[in-house]
Protein backbone atom coordinates (compact mmCIF):
# COMPACT_ATOMS: atom_id res chain seq x y z
CA MET A 1 -16.46 -12.14 -27.72
CA GLN A 2 -13.53 -10.07 -28.82
CA GLY A 3 -11.08 -11.30 -31.40
CA HIS A 4 -8.07 -10.06 -29.43
CA PHE A 5 -4.95 -12.19 -29.58
CA GLY A 6 -1.73 -11.29 -27.85
CA PRO A 7 0.23 -11.79 -24.69
CA PRO A 8 -1.78 -12.23 -21.48
CA PHE A 9 0.07 -9.31 -19.89
CA SER A 10 0.91 -5.72 -20.64
CA LEU A 11 4.44 -5.03 -21.86
CA VAL A 12 4.47 -1.70 -20.02
CA SER A 13 3.48 -3.44 -16.77
CA LEU A 14 6.24 -5.98 -17.25
CA LEU A 15 8.88 -3.29 -17.78
CA VAL A 16 7.71 -1.21 -14.81
CA GLY A 17 7.53 -4.32 -12.63
CA ALA A 18 11.12 -5.17 -13.52
CA GLN A 19 12.20 -1.78 -12.12
CA ILE A 20 10.48 -2.18 -8.72
CA PRO A 21 12.52 -3.59 -5.81
CA ILE A 22 11.67 -7.10 -4.64
CA ALA A 23 10.59 -5.94 -1.17
CA THR A 24 7.93 -3.67 -2.66
CA THR A 25 6.66 -6.39 -4.95
CA LEU A 26 6.57 -8.95 -2.15
CA SER A 27 4.69 -6.66 0.22
CA ALA A 28 2.14 -5.81 -2.49
CA PHE A 29 1.68 -9.53 -3.22
CA LEU A 30 1.22 -10.38 0.46
CA GLY A 31 -1.23 -7.50 0.85
CA ALA A 32 -3.23 -8.76 -2.11
CA LEU A 33 -3.35 -12.27 -0.65
CA THR A 34 -4.43 -10.88 2.70
CA GLY A 35 -7.16 -8.87 1.02
CA ARG A 36 -8.41 -11.83 -0.94
CA LYS A 37 -8.43 -14.40 1.84
CA LEU A 38 -8.73 -12.81 5.27
CA ILE A 39 -10.87 -9.79 4.48
CA ALA A 40 -13.15 -11.85 2.25
CA LYS A 41 -13.77 -14.23 5.16
CA LYS A 42 -14.33 -11.37 7.59
CA LEU A 43 -16.69 -9.25 5.48
CA GLY A 44 -18.21 -11.88 3.21
CA ALA A 45 -20.41 -10.56 0.40
CA ASP A 46 -20.28 -6.98 1.74
CA ARG A 47 -16.60 -6.74 0.85
CA GLU A 48 -17.25 -4.54 -2.18
CA ARG A 49 -19.40 -2.21 -0.11
CA TYR A 50 -16.67 -1.46 2.44
CA ARG A 51 -13.75 -1.25 0.03
CA TYR A 52 -13.63 2.56 -0.15
CA ILE A 53 -14.02 2.94 3.61
CA LEU A 54 -11.12 0.55 4.14
CA VAL A 55 -8.90 2.44 1.70
CA ALA A 56 -9.82 5.77 3.31
CA GLY A 57 -8.99 4.39 6.75
CA ILE A 58 -5.61 3.13 5.59
CA GLY A 59 -4.81 6.49 4.01
CA MET A 60 -5.90 8.37 7.11
CA GLY A 61 -3.81 6.10 9.34
CA GLU A 62 -0.74 6.62 7.18
CA GLY A 63 -1.24 10.38 7.30
CA ILE A 64 -1.59 10.40 11.06
CA MET A 65 1.53 8.27 11.51
CA ALA A 66 3.51 10.53 9.17
CA GLY A 67 2.41 13.55 11.21
CA ILE A 68 3.37 11.87 14.48
CA GLY A 69 6.73 10.85 13.03
CA ALA A 70 7.47 14.37 11.83
CA THR A 71 6.48 15.78 15.22
CA ILE A 72 8.78 13.39 17.06
CA ALA A 73 11.63 14.18 14.66
CA LEU A 74 11.17 17.94 15.21
CA ILE A 75 11.04 17.58 18.97
CA THR A 76 14.14 15.37 19.18
CA ARG A 77 16.12 17.68 16.93
CA SER A 78 15.08 20.79 18.83
CA ILE A 79 16.24 19.47 22.22
CA TRP A 80 19.61 18.24 20.94
CA MET A 81 22.44 20.39 22.25
CA LEU A 82 24.86 21.69 19.67
CA PRO A 83 28.55 20.96 20.33
CA TYR A 84 29.58 24.65 20.41
């Protein structure tokens, strides 16, 4: 047992958290609740085993959607007629 006494939170985390917009904090909180409750029910004890695969899938999906969004933006801007 460590003889560590102090606040139950990090001062740096508190200061950084005060700078983050409420929408970001709320979405992170809801994502954490979803991960704790729904994914734990779905995967059960194997939840720790599939954690890295789940994170990789989310990252890959975000990358694909960013690529599709950039492609759509380039196509729509290239077919727009200039006013002159």
